Amino acid sequence: MMTIVIAFHQSRYRDFKTYHIHFACCYLTNEFPKLISDLHKCLLM
């Protein structure tokens, strides 16, 4: 989870939801197989 948050801060996206949908779900699914279910946890933060 922290890896995704750090990558978000280093990216040029303005909000985490857009970053998660457009980048993380497309390019990081091999490294994080349960990524989509983690979105719900992140949105509650």
Protein backbone atom coordinates (compact mmCIF):
# COMPACT_ATOMS: atom_id res chain seq x y z
CA MET A 1 0.00 0.00 0.00
CA MET A 2 2.75 2.45 0.88
CA THR A 3 4.44 1.77 -2.45
CA ILE A 4 1.33 2.90 -4.30
CA VAL A 5 0.95 6.02 -2.13
CA ILE A 6 4.59 6.99 -2.67
CA ALA A 7 4.26 6.44 -6.42
CA PHE A 8 1.12 8.63 -6.38
CA HIS A 9 3.01 11.48 -4.72
CA GLN A 10 5.76 11.21 -7.32
CA SER A 11 3.27 11.25 -10.20
CA ARG A 12 1.53 14.26 -11.70
CA TYR A 13 -2.00 13.13 -10.82
CA ARG A 14 -4.06 15.50 -8.67
CA ASP A 15 -6.25 12.97 -6.87
CA PHE A 16 -5.65 9.42 -5.74
CA LYS A 17 -8.80 7.93 -7.26
CA THR A 18 -7.85 9.03 -10.77
CA TYR A 19 -4.30 7.80 -10.28
CA HIS A 20 -5.53 4.44 -9.03
CA ILE A 21 -7.97 3.90 -11.90
CA HIS A 22 -5.83 5.21 -14.77
CA PHE A 23 -2.35 4.14 -13.75
CA ALA A 24 -2.18 1.64 -10.90
CA CYS A 25 -4.93 -0.66 -12.14
CA CYS A 26 -3.44 -0.70 -15.64
CA TYR A 27 0.27 -1.02 -14.94
CA LEU A 28 0.69 -2.45 -11.43
CA THR A 29 -1.65 -5.44 -11.50
CA ASN A 30 1.20 -7.98 -11.79
CA GLU A 31 2.91 -6.62 -8.69
CA PHE A 32 -0.34 -6.14 -6.72
CA PRO A 33 -2.97 -8.77 -7.66
CA LYS A 34 -5.53 -7.54 -5.10
CA LEU A 35 -5.23 -3.95 -6.18
CA ILE A 36 -8.86 -3.30 -7.12
CA SER A 37 -10.19 -4.44 -3.73
CA ASP A 38 -7.65 -2.14 -2.05
CA LEU A 39 -9.25 0.89 -3.74
CA HIS A 40 -12.17 0.75 -1.35
CA LYS A 41 -9.80 0.80 1.63
CA CYS A 42 -7.94 3.77 0.20
CA LEU A 43 -11.03 5.81 -0.43
CA LEU A 44 -11.93 5.51 3.25
CA MET A 45 -8.58 7.04 4.29
